[in-house]
Each structure stands twice: as structure tokens, then as C-alpha cells.
Protein backbone atom coordinates (compact mmCIF):
# COMPACT_ATOMS: atom_id res chain seq x y z
CA MET A 1 130.61 73.65 115.35
CA ARG A 2 130.22 76.32 113.22
CA ARG A 3 126.49 77.13 112.53
CA GLY A 4 125.37 76.80 108.69
CA ARG A 5 123.40 79.75 106.77
CA PRO A 6 119.96 80.56 107.26
CA LEU A 7 118.06 79.19 104.76
CA SER A 8 116.50 81.92 103.48
CA THR A 9 120.17 82.84 102.49
CA ILE A 10 120.83 79.48 101.09
CA LEU A 11 117.63 79.41 98.70
CA SER A 12 117.95 82.96 97.42
CA ALA A 13 122.17 82.05 96.73
CA ALA A 14 120.82 78.87 94.71
CA LEU A 15 118.44 81.24 93.05
CA ALA A 16 120.14 83.11 91.69
CA ILE A 17 123.00 80.67 90.41
CA LEU A 18 120.30 78.73 88.79
CA LEU A 19 118.58 82.07 87.18
CA SER A 20 122.06 83.42 86.04
CA THR A 21 123.07 79.82 84.45
CA GLY A 22 119.96 79.80 82.18
CA PHE A 23 117.88 77.11 84.30
CA SER A 24 114.72 79.35 83.26
CA GLN A 25 114.05 80.82 79.81
CA PRO A 26 111.99 83.69 81.03
CA THR A 27 115.58 84.84 83.08
CA ARG A 28 117.27 85.88 80.05
CA LYS A 29 118.21 89.84 80.01
CA LEU A 30 118.08 89.80 83.82
CA THR A 31 120.70 91.93 85.16
CA TRP A 32 121.86 91.93 88.68
CA GLY A 33 123.67 94.69 90.69
CA LYS A 34 124.74 95.83 94.34
CA PHE A 35 124.56 99.47 95.36
CA GLN A 36 126.80 101.18 98.31
CA ALA A 37 124.25 101.83 101.23
CA GLY A 38 126.70 103.58 103.66
CA ASN A 39 128.92 100.62 104.87
CA LEU A 40 126.31 97.92 103.36
CA LYS A 41 125.63 96.57 100.07
CA ILE A 42 122.24 96.06 98.90
CA ALA A 43 121.53 93.91 95.71
CA TYR A 44 118.46 94.08 93.22
CA VAL A 45 118.18 92.34 90.58
CA MET A 46 116.45 94.68 86.84
CA ARG A 47 114.86 93.47 83.87
CA GLY A 48 112.72 94.95 81.10
CA ALA A 49 112.85 98.74 79.78
CA GLY A 50 110.14 101.03 79.96
CA THR A 51 108.57 102.89 82.72
CA PRO A 52 110.06 102.14 86.24
CA VAL A 53 108.66 99.50 88.09
CA VAL A 54 110.26 98.72 91.68
CA LEU A 55 108.96 95.68 93.79
CA VAL A 56 110.00 95.23 97.42
CA HIS A 57 109.33 91.59 99.24
CA GLY A 58 108.50 90.59 102.82
CA TRP A 59 109.91 89.91 105.77
CA LEU A 60 111.84 86.50 105.72
CA SER A 61 111.32 86.64 101.96
CA SER A 62 113.91 87.81 98.86
CA SER A 63 113.20 89.41 95.62
CA GLY A 64 113.28 85.80 93.66
CA ILE A 65 110.90 83.65 96.56
CA ASN A 66 108.08 86.64 96.08
CA TRP A 67 108.73 88.31 92.81
CA GLN A 68 110.38 85.92 90.55
CA VAL A 69 109.62 82.09 90.97
CA PRO A 70 105.67 83.37 91.15
CA GLY A 71 106.68 84.26 87.35
CA THR A 72 105.21 88.78 88.29
CA MET A 73 108.65 89.86 87.29
CA ALA A 74 108.84 88.24 84.01
CA LEU A 75 105.00 89.21 83.14
CA LEU A 76 105.55 92.73 84.15
CA ALA A 77 109.32 93.08 82.43
CA ARG A 78 107.28 92.47 79.24
CA ASP A 79 106.50 96.47 79.44
CA TYR A 80 108.36 97.51 82.04
CA GLN A 81 111.72 98.26 83.49
CA VAL A 82 111.46 96.13 86.67
CA ILE A 83 113.74 96.15 89.39
CA ALA A 84 113.45 94.31 93.18
CA LEU A 85 115.75 94.70 95.29
CA ASP A 86 116.45 92.10 98.64
CA VAL A 87 115.79 94.27 101.99
CA ARG A 88 119.05 94.28 103.77
CA GLY A 89 118.87 91.59 105.97
CA HIS A 90 117.47 89.47 103.31
CA GLY A 91 118.51 87.32 100.00
CA LEU A 92 121.81 88.62 98.70
CA SER A 93 121.93 91.52 100.19
CA ASP A 94 124.17 92.56 103.69
CA LYS A 95 122.65 91.23 106.92
CA PRO A 96 123.41 94.08 110.18
CA THR A 97 121.92 92.17 113.14
CA ARG A 98 121.76 96.04 114.70
CA GLU A 99 118.12 97.38 114.85
CA GLU A 100 119.59 100.82 114.19
CA ALA A 101 120.13 99.33 110.88
CA TYR A 102 116.69 99.06 109.94
CA GLY A 103 114.03 101.42 110.39
CA GLU A 104 113.39 104.28 108.23
CA GLU A 105 117.05 103.18 106.81
CA LEU A 106 114.48 100.27 104.60
CA VAL A 107 113.05 103.48 103.12
CA LEU A 108 115.91 105.36 102.22
CA ASP A 109 117.41 102.35 100.24
CA ILE A 110 114.15 102.89 98.30
CA VAL A 111 115.83 106.46 97.42
CA ARG A 112 119.30 104.81 97.16
CA LEU A 113 118.79 102.34 94.38
CA LEU A 114 116.62 104.60 91.99
CA ASP A 115 119.38 107.17 92.80
CA HIS A 116 122.35 104.22 92.02
CA LEU A 117 120.31 103.54 88.43
CA GLU A 118 119.85 107.64 88.10
CA ILE A 119 115.73 106.90 87.86
CA LYS A 120 113.62 109.96 88.70
CA LYS A 121 110.23 108.39 89.36
CA ALA A 122 109.23 104.98 89.65
CA HIS A 123 105.94 102.64 90.36
CA ILE A 124 106.27 101.32 93.84
CA PHE A 125 105.31 97.68 94.57
CA GLY A 126 105.59 96.31 98.12
CA TYR A 127 104.31 92.90 99.45
CA SER A 128 104.11 92.21 103.57
CA MET A 129 106.74 94.12 104.81
CA GLY A 130 107.11 95.62 102.02
CA GLY A 131 103.95 96.99 101.78
CA VAL A 132 105.07 99.05 104.79
CA ILE A 133 108.19 99.73 103.17
CA ALA A 134 106.17 101.10 100.35
CA ALA A 135 103.68 103.22 101.89
CA ASN A 136 106.91 105.10 104.21
CA PHE A 137 108.14 105.73 101.00
CA ILE A 138 105.21 107.08 99.21
CA ALA A 139 104.33 108.89 102.03
CA LYS A 140 108.01 110.48 102.42
CA HIS A 141 109.08 110.78 99.10
CA PRO A 142 106.01 111.03 96.73
CA ASP A 143 108.12 112.72 94.45
CA ARG A 144 109.86 109.68 93.49
CA VAL A 145 106.45 108.13 93.14
CA LEU A 146 104.37 107.72 89.97
CA SER A 147 101.61 105.32 92.09
CA GLY A 148 102.02 102.52 95.20
CA THR A 149 100.58 99.80 95.56
CA LEU A 150 100.30 97.73 98.94
CA CYS A 151 99.86 94.01 98.72
CA GLY A 152 99.47 91.57 101.69
CA MET A 153 99.64 95.40 103.51
CA GLY A 154 97.52 98.70 103.99
CA TRP A 155 97.88 100.94 106.94
CA LEU A 156 100.45 100.39 109.75
CA LYS A 157 99.36 103.00 112.13
CA ALA A 158 101.26 105.21 114.77
CA GLY A 159 99.98 103.93 118.29
CA GLY A 160 97.99 100.59 116.90
CA VAL A 161 98.37 97.11 118.00
CA ALA A 162 100.01 96.29 115.13
CA GLN A 163 102.93 98.89 116.00
CA HIS A 164 103.31 97.10 119.35
CA ALA A 165 103.21 93.64 118.04
CA PHE A 166 106.03 94.67 115.58
CA ARG A 167 107.98 95.78 118.20
CA GLN A 168 108.25 92.27 120.21
CA ILE A 169 109.62 90.63 117.75
CA GLY A 170 113.00 88.07 118.59
CA MET A 171 114.36 85.16 117.40
CA ASN A 172 116.88 83.45 119.95
CA ASP A 173 119.27 82.16 117.26
CA GLN A 174 122.24 83.61 115.73
CA TYR A 175 121.89 83.53 112.04
CA ALA A 176 118.18 84.95 112.55
CA LYS A 177 119.07 88.13 114.40
CA ALA A 178 119.02 90.31 111.14
CA HIS A 179 115.30 89.29 110.23
CA ALA A 180 114.42 90.01 114.35
CA ALA A 181 116.13 93.19 114.01
CA CYS A 182 114.48 93.85 110.68
CA GLY A 183 111.14 92.67 111.79
CA ARG A 184 111.21 95.27 115.21
CA SER A 185 112.58 98.41 113.28
CA LEU A 186 108.79 97.68 111.18
CA ALA A 187 107.28 99.62 114.26
CA LYS A 188 109.49 102.54 113.13
CA LEU A 189 107.72 103.36 110.03
CA ALA A 190 104.25 103.25 111.29
CA LEU A 191 102.77 106.11 109.64
CA THR A 192 99.69 108.44 111.15
CA GLN A 193 96.61 109.33 109.79
CA THR A 194 97.81 112.87 108.75
CA GLU A 195 100.80 111.51 107.14
CA ILE A 196 98.45 108.72 105.01
CA GLU A 197 95.85 111.68 104.40
CA SER A 198 98.57 113.44 102.80
CA ILE A 199 99.43 110.77 100.05
CA ARG A 200 98.59 112.12 96.17
CA VAL A 201 99.91 109.68 94.06
CA PRO A 202 97.37 106.94 93.18
CA VAL A 203 97.48 104.06 95.72
CA ALA A 204 95.89 100.58 95.45
CA VAL A 205 95.35 97.65 98.00
CA LEU A 206 96.01 94.16 97.00
CA VAL A 207 95.03 91.85 99.78
CA GLY A 208 94.32 87.75 99.93
CA GLU A 209 90.33 87.28 100.29
CA GLN A 210 91.30 84.86 103.46
CA ASP A 211 93.92 87.17 104.87
CA GLU A 212 91.91 88.19 107.76
CA LEU A 213 94.51 89.30 110.22
CA ILE A 214 95.69 91.91 107.70
CA LYS A 215 92.35 92.85 106.58
CA LYS A 216 91.31 93.36 110.37
CA LEU A 217 94.69 95.09 111.50
CA HIS A 218 95.38 97.16 108.07
CA ILE A 219 92.89 97.23 105.93
CA GLU A 220 89.83 98.15 107.68
CA PRO A 221 91.22 101.21 109.41
CA LEU A 222 92.72 102.34 106.14
CA ARG A 223 89.64 101.72 104.32
CA ARG A 224 87.80 104.83 106.95
CA VAL A 225 90.56 107.49 106.37
CA ARG A 226 91.32 106.17 102.53
CA LYS A 227 88.12 105.74 100.92
CA ASP A 228 89.18 106.81 97.40
CA TRP A 229 91.80 104.00 97.32
CA PRO A 230 90.67 100.90 95.72
CA VAL A 231 90.81 97.38 97.64
CA ILE A 232 90.92 94.35 95.51
CA GLU A 233 90.33 91.10 97.21
CA ILE A 234 92.13 88.19 95.78
CA ALA A 235 90.17 84.98 95.69
CA GLU A 236 91.20 82.00 97.92
CA ALA A 237 94.24 83.09 98.55
CA ASN A 238 95.93 83.65 102.18
CA HIS A 239 99.32 86.04 103.18
CA ILE A 240 101.28 83.37 101.95
CA SER A 241 99.66 82.09 98.93
CA CYS A 242 98.83 85.47 97.27
CA ILE A 243 101.65 85.60 95.44
CA PHE A 244 101.58 82.84 93.73
CA LYS A 245 97.80 83.91 92.30
CA PRO A 246 96.74 84.19 88.46
CA GLN A 247 94.52 87.49 89.76
CA PHE A 248 97.16 88.60 91.60
CA GLN A 249 99.55 88.83 88.87
CA ARG A 250 96.43 90.22 86.74
CA GLU A 251 95.92 92.82 89.44
CA ILE A 252 99.01 94.61 89.29
CA ALA A 253 99.61 94.41 85.21
CA ALA A 254 96.13 96.17 84.98
CA TRP A 255 96.51 98.62 87.72
CA LEU A 256 100.36 99.70 85.84
CA ARG A 257 98.34 99.87 82.80
CA LYS A 258 95.58 102.49 84.27
CA ASN A 259 98.53 104.39 85.90
CA SER A 260 100.91 104.56 82.65
CA LYS A 261 98.92 106.70 80.39
């Protein structure tokens, strides 16, 4: 019997259909598109006008689940051009199952997205896995960054325990191989202390007050190296609930206002 599609793909496709058919009023003026990344197609959604803001979602999520459903994209699109991509292996983007298709390619997809839209620089936000990708992009492509925000993430340290943990990710189900390959490849995006110290653009960190694992593994080491980066805790939020908290959205909007003057 043919195995069905993964739930995350079904949810993302259903969300796209609902949004495109006017299910929710805030979705008007949404633009859906895809760009070429080698032999893959990467999906994105765009809304609003003004200074560009790029949103990168977490592992096993999508642009719709991470940024549209909680209302973050609609809020920011009042004042900015907001672009959220479906990371390869997720959502409506292509889903290669080879680990070699991920790693640095996850970072280069942001470059490709900006090039596709003819955007020189943007504010970069990433949640969880998206934070790992965003930090890597900020460190290695600073000429394309206005500011950065690491949400539900801090420093994925080269040689650290978390880097080793990412290498161990695995799933047995055939349809989940893309997610597993993507997750393992995040170990390749670990940054050295020198790379973290080299970042000169403004960066903030948002993390749930109850997100103890992320705080211990990723935030505490970062605080010691980058004391100048503000760390804002979202009250009564854990790693899953953080994106739905009004404070999370307020802090993102406040950071953008501060760094868009």
C-alpha cells in the first residue's frame, strides 16, 4: 500500500489553499512564489511593503504554521515587506532525502531568496532551526543583513554537545527522511567563537521563559561571548508556545522599529 504524505506537508498544503481562497481577511495581498535552488524549488510567501524582513521557521514546521497562523506575519506586514520561506524539506518546498542537500544549502537558500526578489539587505529572523540558519547567514553574509534576531535559539557551538546531538537525529519512516536529513545537517552549521565574535550587525535573542534546554545549551554560552546582545525572555512561554504569545510579537515589532530608523 502506498504510504500517505507526512502530516506537516498536508497541513501546509491545506493552509495554502485556505489562505489563497480568502479564509482569513489578513491574507489579502499575500504573494506566493517559488525560486530555483539548483534542481530544487523553494516556496515562499510575501506580504506588505517597505523594508524587507525575512522569517525562517523551525524544524518540522513551515512558514504558515510558524509565522502566519500566530499572526506574526500579518502584524509585521503593516509596516514592512515580510517574506517567509518554507525551508527545503518542509512545507511546500521540495524535499530531498540526501543529507548533502541540506547543511550550508539551507543558508544559501536565503541568499537565493534575496537574489530572486532583488533585495540587497533584510532584517533576518529565525525560530529554533531557523535561528541556527539565521545565525549562520548573519555570520557569513553580513553584507546582506540589516539586523538579526535569534528566536528560540542562541549559539549552536562548534564542538559542543548540541552539535553532536543534531548529528544523531534519525527517523525510520520513509516519508520523514527529508526532515531527518535536514535535522542532522544542522550540525554542519555550528559556529566557532571567532565567527560569533565577528558579527557586527545588531542582533537580539528571544526565548521562552520556560525553554530551559535552549537556555542552557544555546543561550548561556552566547551570553558569555556576546554580552552586548540583548536576551529577552517571553513570559510563561516554552519552546512550542512561544510563537503564540503576544509578547513575542510585540518584541519583534519593537526590535524592528529600533533598527529601522
